[in-house]
Amino acid sequence: MDDETYVKEKYRAHFGVYPDLSNPVKFTEKIQWIKLNMRDPKMTVYCDKYLVKEHIKKVLGEEYVIPLHGVYDSPDQIDFDTLPERFVLKCNHNSGRGMYICKDKSSLNVKKVRRDLRAALKEDYYLVGREWSYRDVPRKIVCEKYMEDSGGNLTDYKFYCNQGKATHLLVCLNRLSDNHRNIHMNMKGEILPFNPDCVKAIEAGEKIKLPSNFDEMKAIAEKLSSEFPHVRIDLYNVDGKIYFGEYTFYSDSGFFTRINGGDEYLGKDVILPLT
């Protein structure tokens, strides 16, 4: 099935209607348009979880890059004996499949980890959602330093950037616990009711405290996003130390349902070169 037919049919299966790709308004529609029309070769490099590290070193500095323990073409090349007690293994070309977060190497099932990584390397992630930038990424396995803050957790700050400006924020709280929550916010730090986590937080009168160096994080996101009409820049803040997470050109592959007008809200700031 060609890409356009695939994304239209998958969109209809998820939302019950076909996307308007001629005059997209909703965020989910605009993500589908980006999949089919944006063909900047830099996107392939920036989606590569290995190669992007060199790009970040040049643009921001090595101190913003999560340290690398190793890179491998095959899970059989990994010498687990030489790895630290805690680490993260993942493929550079996909999202999630094969990832292993090791907090205690003594409990590691090496055979299972190798088997899962081997399967993940075979995954053609481009075909899953027709996300073009992943199509030609040379597949590898990366092993990174395990990251957590002094409270034993990790918070992910996802900046939705349009025309080089951060217009929206998704804060993923408690990434390493069962109490993981995703909170949509505007750039003033006000919670927006776009998913059940947000609605509960608003009803409880909760306030999400942003890091003291949040302005620096925003500036970094805007600097990294300046080459594209739309991209999401994911950053971590570990006890005040900022680390680059990833470039995301297709948030949720454009197939995530947001409530209370969230799809239209996010979509209005994405200005695409439609003509």
C-alpha atoms as a PDB file:
ATOM      1  CA  MET A   1       0.000   0.000   0.000  1.00  0.00           C
ATOM      2  CA  ASP A   2       1.383   3.425  -0.892  1.00  0.00           C
ATOM      3  CA  ASP A   3       2.109   5.852   1.944  1.00  0.00           C
ATOM      4  CA  GLU A   4      -0.783   8.238   1.337  1.00  0.00           C
ATOM      5  CA  THR A   5      -3.382   5.494   1.171  1.00  0.00           C
ATOM      6  CA  TYR A   6      -1.924   3.853   4.269  1.00  0.00           C
ATOM      7  CA  VAL A   7      -1.983   6.978   6.460  1.00  0.00           C
ATOM      8  CA  LYS A   8      -5.491   7.898   5.286  1.00  0.00           C
ATOM      9  CA  GLU A   9      -6.875   4.454   6.049  1.00  0.00           C
ATOM     10  CA  LYS A  10      -5.085   4.165   9.381  1.00  0.00           C
ATOM     11  CA  TYR A  11      -6.320   7.638  10.346  1.00  0.00           C
ATOM     12  CA  ARG A  12      -9.899   6.689   9.455  1.00  0.00           C
ATOM     13  CA  ALA A  13      -9.615   3.454  11.423  1.00  0.00           C
ATOM     14  CA  HIS A  14      -8.462   5.414  14.479  1.00  0.00           C
ATOM     15  CA  PHE A  15     -10.625   8.556  14.305  1.00  0.00           C
ATOM     16  CA  GLY A  16     -13.569   7.450  12.156  1.00  0.00           C
ATOM     17  CA  VAL A  17     -12.916  10.061   9.440  1.00  0.00           C
ATOM     18  CA  TYR A  18     -10.337  10.617   6.736  1.00  0.00           C
ATOM     19  CA  PRO A  19      -7.724  13.335   7.346  1.00  0.00           C
ATOM     20  CA  ASP A  20      -7.916  16.535   5.346  1.00  0.00           C
ATOM     21  CA  LEU A  21      -4.467  16.614   3.759  1.00  0.00           C
ATOM     22  CA  SER A  22      -5.211  19.456   1.353  1.00  0.00           C
ATOM     23  CA  ASN A  23      -6.140  21.931   4.074  1.00  0.00           C
ATOM     24  CA  PRO A  24      -5.140  20.283   7.369  1.00  0.00           C
ATOM     25  CA  VAL A  25      -6.308  22.015  10.540  1.00  0.00           C
ATOM     26  CA  LYS A  26      -5.941  19.458  13.317  1.00  0.00           C
ATOM     27  CA  PHE A  27      -2.548  18.561  14.733  1.00  0.00           C
ATOM     28  CA  THR A  28      -3.079  14.908  13.833  1.00  0.00           C
ATOM     29  CA  GLU A  29      -3.835  15.863  10.229  1.00  0.00           C
ATOM     30  CA  LYS A  30      -0.756  18.056  10.002  1.00  0.00           C
ATOM     31  CA  ILE A  31       1.463  15.250  11.300  1.00  0.00           C
ATOM     32  CA  GLN A  32       0.160  13.041   8.467  1.00  0.00           C
ATOM     33  CA  TRP A  33       0.967  15.828   5.983  1.00  0.00           C
ATOM     34  CA  ILE A  34       4.516  16.070   7.374  1.00  0.00           C
ATOM     35  CA  LYS A  35       4.954  12.305   6.929  1.00  0.00           C
ATOM     36  CA  LEU A  36       4.025  12.526   3.271  1.00  0.00           C
ATOM     37  CA  ASN A  37       5.693  15.782   2.279  1.00  0.00           C
ATOM     38  CA  MET A  38       8.712  16.713   4.404  1.00  0.00           C
ATOM     39  CA  ARG A  39      11.840  15.131   2.883  1.00  0.00           C
ATOM     40  CA  ASP A  40      14.764  16.943   4.478  1.00  0.00           C
ATOM     41  CA  PRO A  41      17.771  14.543   4.635  1.00  0.00           C
ATOM     42  CA  LYS A  42      18.754  16.029   8.004  1.00  0.00           C
ATOM     43  CA  MET A  43      15.618  14.451   9.486  1.00  0.00           C
ATOM     44  CA  THR A  44      17.096  10.977   8.950  1.00  0.00           C
ATOM     45  CA  VAL A  45      20.280  11.965  10.792  1.00  0.00           C
ATOM     46  CA  TYR A  46      18.432  13.646  13.651  1.00  0.00           C
ATOM     47  CA  CYS A  47      16.116  10.638  14.107  1.00  0.00           C
ATOM     48  CA  ASP A  48      19.134   8.349  14.422  1.00  0.00           C
ATOM     49  CA  LYS A  49      19.674   7.977  18.178  1.00  0.00           C
ATOM     50  CA  TYR A  50      23.375   7.369  17.549  1.00  0.00           C
ATOM     51  CA  LEU A  51      24.305   9.913  14.863  1.00  0.00           C
ATOM     52  CA  VAL A  52      22.302  12.716  16.473  1.00  0.00           C
ATOM     53  CA  LYS A  53      24.721  12.737  19.404  1.00  0.00           C
ATOM     54  CA  GLU A  54      27.464  14.198  17.196  1.00  0.00           C
ATOM     55  CA  HIS A  55      25.069  16.850  15.947  1.00  0.00           C
ATOM     56  CA  ILE A  56      24.165  17.860  19.521  1.00  0.00           C
ATOM     57  CA  LYS A  57      27.843  18.010  20.505  1.00  0.00           C
ATOM     58  CA  LYS A  58      28.501  20.458  17.669  1.00  0.00           C
ATOM     59  CA  VAL A  59      25.426  22.626  18.242  1.00  0.00           C
ATOM     60  CA  LEU A  60      25.176  22.627  22.047  1.00  0.00           C
ATOM     61  CA  GLY A  61      28.244  20.928  23.498  1.00  0.00           C
ATOM     62  CA  GLU A  62      29.120  17.464  24.738  1.00  0.00           C
ATOM     63  CA  GLU A  63      27.792  18.205  28.234  1.00  0.00           C
ATOM     64  CA  TYR A  64      24.225  18.049  26.877  1.00  0.00           C
ATOM     65  CA  VAL A  65      24.655  14.533  25.469  1.00  0.00           C
ATOM     66  CA  ILE A  66      23.750  11.450  27.513  1.00  0.00           C
ATOM     67  CA  PRO A  67      27.038   9.499  27.765  1.00  0.00           C
ATOM     68  CA  LEU A  68      27.423   6.450  25.560  1.00  0.00           C
ATOM     69  CA  HIS A  69      28.776   3.146  26.887  1.00  0.00           C
ATOM     70  CA  GLY A  70      28.880   1.456  23.496  1.00  0.00           C
ATOM     71  CA  VAL A  71      27.391   1.024  20.032  1.00  0.00           C
ATOM     72  CA  TYR A  72      26.872  -2.342  18.329  1.00  0.00           C
ATOM     73  CA  ASP A  73      25.741  -3.811  15.021  1.00  0.00           C
ATOM     74  CA  SER A  74      24.495  -6.979  16.712  1.00  0.00           C
ATOM     75  CA  PRO A  75      23.392  -7.941  20.243  1.00  0.00           C
ATOM     76  CA  ASP A  76      26.051 -10.670  20.138  1.00  0.00           C
ATOM     77  CA  GLN A  77      28.731  -7.952  20.208  1.00  0.00           C
ATOM     78  CA  ILE A  78      27.597  -6.659  23.611  1.00  0.00           C
ATOM     79  CA  ASP A  79      29.987  -7.629  26.422  1.00  0.00           C
ATOM     80  CA  PHE A  80      27.674  -7.354  29.415  1.00  0.00           C
ATOM     81  CA  ASP A  81      30.529  -8.067  31.829  1.00  0.00           C
ATOM     82  CA  THR A  82      32.155  -4.737  30.976  1.00  0.00           C
ATOM     83  CA  LEU A  83      28.975  -2.675  31.314  1.00  0.00           C
ATOM     84  CA  PRO A  84      28.177  -0.805  34.556  1.00  0.00           C
ATOM     85  CA  GLU A  85      25.544  -2.063  36.979  1.00  0.00           C
ATOM     86  CA  ARG A  86      22.923   0.248  35.478  1.00  0.00           C
ATOM     87  CA  PHE A  87      22.509   1.192  31.812  1.00  0.00           C
ATOM     88  CA  VAL A  88      19.982   1.569  28.977  1.00  0.00           C
ATOM     89  CA  LEU A  89      19.999  -0.450  25.758  1.00  0.00           C
ATOM     90  CA  LYS A  90      17.963   0.578  22.730  1.00  0.00           C
ATOM     91  CA  CYS A  91      17.950   0.545  18.959  1.00  0.00           C
ATOM     92  CA  ASN A  92      18.775   3.748  17.132  1.00  0.00           C
ATOM     93  CA  HIS A  93      16.111   3.391  14.431  1.00  0.00           C
ATOM     94  CA  ASN A  94      12.830   2.791  16.244  1.00  0.00           C
ATOM     95  CA  SER A  95      10.819   3.815  19.295  1.00  0.00           C
ATOM     96  CA  GLY A  96      10.518   1.478  22.236  1.00  0.00           C
ATOM     97  CA  ARG A  97      10.783  -2.018  20.835  1.00  0.00           C
ATOM     98  CA  GLY A  98      13.859  -3.801  22.190  1.00  0.00           C
ATOM     99  CA  MET A  99      14.616  -1.076  24.748  1.00  0.00           C
ATOM    100  CA  TYR A 100      15.878  -2.380  28.079  1.00  0.00           C
ATOM    101  CA  ILE A 101      16.389  -0.237  31.175  1.00  0.00           C
ATOM    102  CA  CYS A 102      18.757  -2.083  33.479  1.00  0.00           C
ATOM    103  CA  LYS A 103      18.694  -0.969  37.104  1.00  0.00           C
ATOM    104  CA  ASP A 104      20.390  -4.102  38.486  1.00  0.00           C
ATOM    105  CA  LYS A 105      22.713  -6.109  36.249  1.00  0.00           C
ATOM    106  CA  SER A 106      22.661  -9.090  38.624  1.00  0.00           C
ATOM    107  CA  SER A 107      19.023  -9.750  37.649  1.00  0.00           C
ATOM    108  CA  LEU A 108      19.626  -9.344  33.921  1.00  0.00           C
ATOM    109  CA  ASN A 109      18.342 -12.088  31.611  1.00  0.00           C
ATOM    110  CA  VAL A 110      21.025 -11.748  28.953  1.00  0.00           C
ATOM    111  CA  LYS A 111      19.490 -14.283  26.565  1.00  0.00           C
ATOM    112  CA  LYS A 112      16.136 -12.509  26.589  1.00  0.00           C
ATOM    113  CA  VAL A 113      17.706  -9.075  26.136  1.00  0.00           C
ATOM    114  CA  ARG A 114      19.732 -10.313  23.166  1.00  0.00           C
ATOM    115  CA  ARG A 115      16.649 -11.988  21.672  1.00  0.00           C
ATOM    116  CA  ASP A 116      14.512  -8.848  22.055  1.00  0.00           C
ATOM    117  CA  LEU A 117      17.201  -6.630  20.553  1.00  0.00           C
ATOM    118  CA  ARG A 118      17.686  -9.008  17.649  1.00  0.00           C
ATOM    119  CA  ALA A 119      13.953  -8.822  16.883  1.00  0.00           C
ATOM    120  CA  ALA A 120      13.968  -5.049  17.243  1.00  0.00           C
ATOM    121  CA  LEU A 121      16.805  -4.670  14.735  1.00  0.00           C
ATOM    122  CA  LYS A 122      14.625  -6.429  12.171  1.00  0.00           C
ATOM    123  CA  GLU A 123      11.733  -4.032  12.672  1.00  0.00           C
ATOM    124  CA  ASP A 124      11.124  -1.653   9.776  1.00  0.00           C
ATOM    125  CA  TYR A 125       9.872   1.207  11.908  1.00  0.00           C
ATOM    126  CA  TYR A 126       9.077   3.306   8.866  1.00  0.00           C
ATOM    127  CA  LEU A 127       6.342   0.860   7.863  1.00  0.00           C
ATOM    128  CA  VAL A 128       4.540   1.087  11.229  1.00  0.00           C
ATOM    129  CA  GLY A 129       3.308   4.647  10.688  1.00  0.00           C
ATOM    130  CA  ARG A 130       4.995   5.600   7.391  1.00  0.00           C
ATOM    131  CA  GLU A 131       7.308   7.978   9.231  1.00  0.00           C
ATOM    132  CA  TRP A 132       9.697   8.760   6.389  1.00  0.00           C
ATOM    133  CA  SER A 133      12.739   9.903   8.375  1.00  0.00           C
ATOM    134  CA  TYR A 134      13.176   6.430   9.921  1.00  0.00           C
ATOM    135  CA  ARG A 135      13.220   4.633   6.564  1.00  0.00           C
ATOM    136  CA  ASP A 136      16.951   4.833   5.857  1.00  0.00           C
ATOM    137  CA  VAL A 137      18.469   4.919   9.354  1.00  0.00           C
ATOM    138  CA  PRO A 138      21.373   2.370   9.495  1.00  0.00           C
ATOM    139  CA  ARG A 139      20.315   0.044  12.305  1.00  0.00           C
ATOM    140  CA  LYS A 140      22.451  -0.218  15.404  1.00  0.00           C
ATOM    141  CA  ILE A 141      22.162  -0.793  19.149  1.00  0.00           C
ATOM    142  CA  VAL A 142      23.279   1.910  21.558  1.00  0.00           C
ATOM    143  CA  CYS A 143      24.044   1.547  25.239  1.00  0.00           C
ATOM    144  CA  GLU A 144      23.658   4.748  27.250  1.00  0.00           C
ATOM    145  CA  LYS A 145      24.227   5.833  30.798  1.00  0.00           C
ATOM    146  CA  TYR A 146      21.255   5.171  33.083  1.00  0.00           C
ATOM    147  CA  MET A 147      19.744   8.527  34.068  1.00  0.00           C
ATOM    148  CA  GLU A 148      17.729   9.450  37.155  1.00  0.00           C
ATOM    149  CA  ASP A 149      17.453  12.426  39.494  1.00  0.00           C
ATOM    150  CA  SER A 150      18.170  12.553  43.224  1.00  0.00           C
ATOM    151  CA  GLY A 151      14.612  11.369  43.896  1.00  0.00           C
ATOM    152  CA  GLY A 152      15.169   8.231  41.838  1.00  0.00           C
ATOM    153  CA  ASN A 153      13.049   9.338  38.913  1.00  0.00           C
ATOM    154  CA  LEU A 154      13.212  11.127  35.585  1.00  0.00           C
ATOM    155  CA  THR A 155      11.121  13.895  34.028  1.00  0.00           C
ATOM    156  CA  ASP A 156      10.878  14.390  30.275  1.00  0.00           C
ATOM    157  CA  TYR A 157      10.101  17.868  28.904  1.00  0.00           C
ATOM    158  CA  LYS A 158       8.733  17.735  25.365  1.00  0.00           C
ATOM    159  CA  PHE A 159       8.727  21.115  23.611  1.00  0.00           C
ATOM    160  CA  TYR A 160       6.399  21.424  20.610  1.00  0.00           C
ATOM    161  CA  CYS A 161       8.223  23.891  18.370  1.00  0.00           C
ATOM    162  CA  ASN A 162       6.877  25.704  15.336  1.00  0.00           C
ATOM    163  CA  GLN A 163       8.901  28.016  13.106  1.00  0.00           C
ATOM    164  CA  GLY A 164      11.676  27.877  15.714  1.00  0.00           C
ATOM    165  CA  LYS A 165       9.419  28.876  18.626  1.00  0.00           C
ATOM    166  CA  ALA A 166       8.305  26.670  21.503  1.00  0.00           C
ATOM    167  CA  THR A 167       4.512  26.961  21.602  1.00  0.00           C
ATOM    168  CA  HIS A 168       3.454  24.080  23.854  1.00  0.00           C
ATOM    169  CA  LEU A 169       4.902  21.740  26.460  1.00  0.00           C
ATOM    170  CA  LEU A 170       4.219  18.151  27.460  1.00  0.00           C
ATOM    171  CA  VAL A 171       5.750  17.209  30.810  1.00  0.00           C
ATOM    172  CA  CYS A 172       6.137  13.461  31.355  1.00  0.00           C
ATOM    173  CA  LEU A 173       6.410  13.010  35.111  1.00  0.00           C
ATOM    174  CA  ASN A 174       7.828  10.009  36.975  1.00  0.00           C
ATOM    175  CA  ARG A 175       9.035   8.204  33.865  1.00  0.00           C
ATOM    176  CA  LEU A 176      10.648   5.449  35.941  1.00  0.00           C
ATOM    177  CA  SER A 177       7.684   4.671  38.202  1.00  0.00           C
ATOM    178  CA  ASP A 178       4.150   3.280  37.998  1.00  0.00           C
ATOM    179  CA  ASN A 179       2.881   6.803  38.695  1.00  0.00           C
ATOM    180  CA  HIS A 180       3.829   8.034  35.228  1.00  0.00           C
ATOM    181  CA  ARG A 181       1.736  11.017  34.094  1.00  0.00           C
ATOM    182  CA  ASN A 182       1.656  13.173  30.958  1.00  0.00           C
ATOM    183  CA  ILE A 183       0.728  16.814  31.545  1.00  0.00           C
ATOM    184  CA  HIS A 184       0.034  19.269  28.717  1.00  0.00           C
ATOM    185  CA  MET A 185       0.929  22.888  29.486  1.00  0.00           C
ATOM    186  CA  ASN A 186       1.145  26.196  27.691  1.00  0.00           C
ATOM    187  CA  MET A 187       4.385  28.139  27.825  1.00  0.00           C
ATOM    188  CA  LYS A 188       3.138  30.024  30.890  1.00  0.00           C
ATOM    189  CA  GLY A 189       3.091  26.761  32.831  1.00  0.00           C
ATOM    190  CA  GLU A 190      -0.713  26.508  32.909  1.00  0.00           C
ATOM    191  CA  ILE A 191      -2.139  22.979  32.635  1.00  0.00           C
ATOM    192  CA  LEU A 192      -4.322  22.331  29.592  1.00  0.00           C
ATOM    193  CA  PRO A 193      -7.151  19.721  29.797  1.00  0.00           C
ATOM    194  CA  PHE A 194      -6.089  17.582  26.856  1.00  0.00           C
ATOM    195  CA  ASN A 195      -5.962  14.157  28.522  1.00  0.00           C
ATOM    196  CA  PRO A 196      -7.332  12.517  31.715  1.00  0.00           C
ATOM    197  CA  ASP A 197      -4.083  13.168  33.656  1.00  0.00           C
ATOM    198  CA  CYS A 198      -4.453  16.875  32.915  1.00  0.00           C
ATOM    199  CA  VAL A 199      -8.134  16.977  33.853  1.00  0.00           C
ATOM    200  CA  LYS A 200      -7.443  15.309  37.213  1.00  0.00           C
ATOM    201  CA  ALA A 201      -4.583  17.708  37.910  1.00  0.00           C
ATOM    202  CA  ILE A 202      -6.763  20.735  37.103  1.00  0.00           C
ATOM    203  CA  GLU A 203      -9.647  19.462  39.247  1.00  0.00           C
ATOM    204  CA  ALA A 204      -7.221  18.932  42.143  1.00  0.00           C
ATOM    205  CA  GLY A 205      -5.828  22.449  41.742  1.00  0.00           C
ATOM    206  CA  GLU A 206      -2.375  21.013  41.109  1.00  0.00           C
ATOM    207  CA  LYS A 207       0.506  23.189  39.979  1.00  0.00           C
ATOM    208  CA  ILE A 208       3.477  21.699  38.138  1.00  0.00           C
ATOM    209  CA  LYS A 209       6.705  23.358  39.198  1.00  0.00           C
ATOM    210  CA  LEU A 210       9.039  23.939  36.298  1.00  0.00           C
ATOM    211  CA  PRO A 211      12.857  23.796  36.732  1.00  0.00           C
ATOM    212  CA  SER A 212      14.689  26.976  37.688  1.00  0.00           C
ATOM    213  CA  ASN A 213      16.582  26.783  34.377  1.00  0.00           C
ATOM    214  CA  PHE A 214      13.429  26.294  32.311  1.00  0.00           C
ATOM    215  CA  ASP A 215      14.212  29.368  30.186  1.00  0.00           C
ATOM    216  CA  GLU A 216      17.509  27.742  29.175  1.00  0.00           C
ATOM    217  CA  MET A 217      15.666  24.563  28.221  1.00  0.00           C
ATOM    218  CA  LYS A 218      13.228  26.564  26.100  1.00  0.00           C
ATOM    219  CA  ALA A 219      16.101  28.390  24.377  1.00  0.00           C
ATOM    220  CA  ILE A 220      17.801  25.058  23.602  1.00  0.00           C
ATOM    221  CA  ALA A 221      14.586  23.613  22.162  1.00  0.00           C
ATOM    222  CA  GLU A 222      14.098  26.654  19.958  1.00  0.00           C
ATOM    223  CA  LYS A 223      17.692  26.569  18.740  1.00  0.00           C
ATOM    224  CA  LEU A 224      17.465  22.900  17.784  1.00  0.00           C
ATOM    225  CA  SER A 225      14.078  23.327  16.106  1.00  0.00           C
ATOM    226  CA  SER A 226      14.933  26.347  13.973  1.00  0.00           C
ATOM    227  CA  GLU A 227      15.583  24.323  10.789  1.00  0.00           C
ATOM    228  CA  PHE A 228      12.041  22.936  10.542  1.00  0.00           C
ATOM    229  CA  PRO A 229       8.456  24.236  10.371  1.00  0.00           C
ATOM    230  CA  HIS A 230       7.505  21.779  13.115  1.00  0.00           C
ATOM    231  CA  VAL A 231       9.384  19.403  15.396  1.00  0.00           C
ATOM    232  CA  ARG A 232       9.151  18.287  19.001  1.00  0.00           C
ATOM    233  CA  ILE A 233      12.348  18.601  21.024  1.00  0.00           C
ATOM    234  CA  ASP A 234      12.577  16.299  24.055  1.00  0.00           C
ATOM    235  CA  LEU A 235      14.865  17.270  26.919  1.00  0.00           C
ATOM    236  CA  TYR A 236      15.637  15.874  30.367  1.00  0.00           C
ATOM    237  CA  ASN A 237      16.446  17.890  33.464  1.00  0.00           C
ATOM    238  CA  VAL A 238      18.382  15.870  36.040  1.00  0.00           C
ATOM    239  CA  ASP A 239      18.808  17.938  39.211  1.00  0.00           C
ATOM    240  CA  GLY A 240      19.328  21.071  37.153  1.00  0.00           C
ATOM    241  CA  LYS A 241      21.502  19.447  34.472  1.00  0.00           C
ATOM    242  CA  ILE A 242      19.945  19.545  30.998  1.00  0.00           C
ATOM    243  CA  TYR A 243      20.319  16.595  28.612  1.00  0.00           C
ATOM    244  CA  PHE A 244      19.093  16.187  25.050  1.00  0.00           C
ATOM    245  CA  GLY A 245      16.554  13.407  24.561  1.00  0.00           C
ATOM    246  CA  GLU A 246      15.498  13.292  20.921  1.00  0.00           C
ATOM    247  CA  TYR A 247      14.024  15.001  17.892  1.00  0.00           C
ATOM    248  CA  THR A 248      10.435  13.916  17.229  1.00  0.00           C
ATOM    249  CA  PHE A 249       8.971  14.927  13.881  1.00  0.00           C
ATOM    250  CA  TYR A 250       5.813  12.820  14.173  1.00  0.00           C
ATOM    251  CA  SER A 251       4.440  13.116  17.706  1.00  0.00           C
ATOM    252  CA  ASP A 252       2.480   9.946  18.554  1.00  0.00           C
ATOM    253  CA  SER A 253       2.650   9.217  14.800  1.00  0.00           C
ATOM    254  CA  GLY A 254      -0.325  11.570  14.511  1.00  0.00           C
ATOM    255  CA  PHE A 255      -2.686   8.913  15.871  1.00  0.00           C
ATOM    256  CA  PHE A 256      -3.234  10.062  19.454  1.00  0.00           C
ATOM    257  CA  THR A 257      -6.647  11.252  20.625  1.00  0.00           C
ATOM    258  CA  ARG A 258      -6.633  14.454  22.669  1.00  0.00           C
ATOM    259  CA  ILE A 259      -9.769  15.650  24.421  1.00  0.00           C
ATOM    260  CA  ASN A 260     -11.329  19.093  24.963  1.00  0.00           C
ATOM    261  CA  GLY A 261     -10.111  20.594  21.700  1.00  0.00           C
ATOM    262  CA  GLY A 262      -6.499  19.552  22.141  1.00  0.00           C
ATOM    263  CA  ASP A 263      -6.094  18.437  18.526  1.00  0.00           C
ATOM    264  CA  GLU A 264      -7.217  21.825  17.214  1.00  0.00           C
ATOM    265  CA  TYR A 265      -5.218  23.724  19.862  1.00  0.00           C
ATOM    266  CA  LEU A 266      -1.959  22.027  18.925  1.00  0.00           C
ATOM    267  CA  GLY A 267      -2.725  22.261  15.236  1.00  0.00           C
ATOM    268  CA  LYS A 268      -3.236  26.020  15.068  1.00  0.00           C
ATOM    269  CA  ASP A 269       0.448  26.773  15.693  1.00  0.00           C
ATOM    270  CA  VAL A 270       1.793  24.349  13.075  1.00  0.00           C
ATOM    271  CA  ILE A 271       2.279  26.404   9.890  1.00  0.00           C
ATOM    272  CA  LEU A 272       3.026  24.158   6.944  1.00  0.00           C
ATOM    273  CA  PRO A 273       4.330  25.097   3.467  1.00  0.00           C
ATOM    274  CA  LEU A 274       1.152  23.902   1.761  1.00  0.00           C
ATOM    275  CA  THR A 275       1.759  25.821  -1.464  1.00  0.00           C
END
